[in-house]
Every structure is written in C-alpha cells, then in structure tokens.
Amino acid sequence: MFFKPFSLLQRGLKALLVCGLCACARLLARLSIRLYVRAC
C-alpha cells in the first residue's frame, strides 16, 4: 500500500518528462525549419 502512490508518482513524473522532451523537440524542429527556410 505504501509503494503504490510512489510508483504512480514516479510514472506521472516520467510521463511529464517525456511530454516536456517532446514539446522541446517540436519547438526546436519548428525553429530549425524556420531558420532553414530563411537561409534558403
């Protein structure tokens, strides 16, 4: 009973981290595309 909430919290943090990484990657991709278009 004690470990369940902790594992759930860990899972939530992991999901949040993955979402954050995806958001950062998307933002970087958008910026790189914009810079590439501007360079061309």
N, C-alpha and C. Protein backbone atom coordinates (compact mmCIF):
# COMPACT_ATOMS: atom_id res chain seq x y z
N MET A 1 0.83 -1.21 0.00
CA MET A 1 0.00 0.00 0.00
C MET A 1 0.87 1.26 0.00
N PHE A 2 2.03 1.17 0.62
CA PHE A 2 2.90 2.34 0.72
C PHE A 2 3.60 2.65 -0.61
N PHE A 3 3.92 1.56 -1.35
CA PHE A 3 4.68 1.76 -2.58
C PHE A 3 3.82 2.18 -3.77
N LYS A 4 2.52 1.91 -3.69
CA LYS A 4 1.65 2.20 -4.83
C LYS A 4 1.63 3.68 -5.22
N PRO A 5 1.36 4.59 -4.28
CA PRO A 5 1.33 6.02 -4.65
C PRO A 5 2.68 6.51 -5.17
N PHE A 6 3.76 5.98 -4.58
CA PHE A 6 5.10 6.39 -5.01
C PHE A 6 5.36 5.98 -6.46
N SER A 7 4.99 4.75 -6.80
CA SER A 7 5.19 4.26 -8.16
C SER A 7 4.33 5.06 -9.13
N LEU A 8 3.12 5.39 -8.69
CA LEU A 8 2.21 6.19 -9.51
C LEU A 8 2.80 7.57 -9.75
N LEU A 9 3.37 8.16 -8.70
CA LEU A 9 4.00 9.48 -8.81
C LEU A 9 5.19 9.41 -9.75
N GLN A 10 5.98 8.34 -9.63
CA GLN A 10 7.14 8.17 -10.49
C GLN A 10 6.71 8.05 -11.95
N ARG A 11 5.63 7.31 -12.17
CA ARG A 11 5.10 7.14 -13.53
C ARG A 11 4.64 8.48 -14.10
N GLY A 12 3.97 9.26 -13.23
CA GLY A 12 3.49 10.58 -13.64
C GLY A 12 4.63 11.50 -13.99
N LEU A 13 5.68 11.48 -13.17
CA LEU A 13 6.86 12.31 -13.42
C LEU A 13 7.54 11.90 -14.72
N LYS A 14 7.61 10.60 -14.95
CA LYS A 14 8.23 10.09 -16.17
C LYS A 14 7.44 10.54 -17.40
N ALA A 15 6.10 10.46 -17.29
CA ALA A 15 5.23 10.88 -18.39
C ALA A 15 5.40 12.38 -18.65
N LEU A 16 5.48 13.15 -17.56
CA LEU A 16 5.65 14.60 -17.67
C LEU A 16 6.98 14.92 -18.35
N LEU A 17 8.02 14.19 -17.98
CA LEU A 17 9.35 14.39 -18.57
C LEU A 17 9.32 14.09 -20.07
N VAL A 18 8.66 12.99 -20.44
CA VAL A 18 8.55 12.61 -21.85
C VAL A 18 7.80 13.68 -22.63
N CYS A 19 6.71 14.18 -22.05
CA CYS A 19 5.91 15.23 -22.70
C CYS A 19 6.75 16.49 -22.88
N GLY A 20 7.52 16.83 -21.85
CA GLY A 20 8.39 18.01 -21.92
C GLY A 20 9.44 17.87 -23.01
N LEU A 21 10.03 16.68 -23.10
CA LEU A 21 11.05 16.43 -24.11
C LEU A 21 10.45 16.51 -25.51
N CYS A 22 9.24 15.96 -25.67
CA CYS A 22 8.55 16.01 -26.96
C CYS A 22 8.26 17.46 -27.35
N ALA A 23 7.80 18.25 -26.37
CA ALA A 23 7.48 19.65 -26.62
C ALA A 23 8.74 20.41 -27.03
N CYS A 24 9.86 20.15 -26.33
CA CYS A 24 11.13 20.81 -26.65
C CYS A 24 11.60 20.43 -28.05
N ALA A 25 11.48 19.16 -28.38
CA ALA A 25 11.91 18.68 -29.69
C ALA A 25 11.07 19.33 -30.79
N ARG A 26 9.76 19.43 -30.56
CA ARG A 26 8.86 20.05 -31.53
C ARG A 26 9.22 21.52 -31.74
N LEU A 27 9.49 22.20 -30.63
CA LEU A 27 9.85 23.62 -30.68
C LEU A 27 11.16 23.81 -31.44
N LEU A 28 12.15 22.96 -31.14
CA LEU A 28 13.44 23.03 -31.82
C LEU A 28 13.29 22.75 -33.31
N ALA A 29 12.46 21.77 -33.65
CA ALA A 29 12.23 21.43 -35.05
C ALA A 29 11.60 22.61 -35.79
N ARG A 30 10.62 23.25 -35.14
CA ARG A 30 9.94 24.39 -35.74
C ARG A 30 10.93 25.54 -35.99
N LEU A 31 11.78 25.79 -34.98
CA LEU A 31 12.76 26.87 -35.10
C LEU A 31 13.79 26.56 -36.19
N SER A 32 14.25 25.31 -36.24
CA SER A 32 15.24 24.92 -37.24
C SER A 32 14.66 25.03 -38.65
N ILE A 33 13.39 24.64 -38.82
CA ILE A 33 12.72 24.74 -40.11
C ILE A 33 12.62 26.21 -40.52
N ARG A 34 12.25 27.06 -39.57
CA ARG A 34 12.12 28.49 -39.84
C ARG A 34 13.47 29.08 -40.28
N LEU A 35 14.53 28.69 -39.57
CA LEU A 35 15.88 29.18 -39.90
C LEU A 35 16.32 28.65 -41.26
N TYR A 36 16.01 27.39 -41.54
CA TYR A 36 16.38 26.77 -42.82
C TYR A 36 15.69 27.49 -43.98
N VAL A 37 14.40 27.78 -43.80
CA VAL A 37 13.63 28.47 -44.84
C VAL A 37 14.19 29.88 -45.06
N ARG A 38 14.57 30.53 -43.95
CA ARG A 38 15.11 31.88 -44.04
C ARG A 38 16.47 31.88 -44.74
N ALA A 39 17.26 30.83 -44.49
CA ALA A 39 18.59 30.71 -45.10
C ALA A 39 18.46 30.48 -46.60
N CYS A 40 17.50 29.69 -47.01
CA CYS A 40 17.27 29.42 -48.42
C CYS A 40 16.59 30.63 -49.07
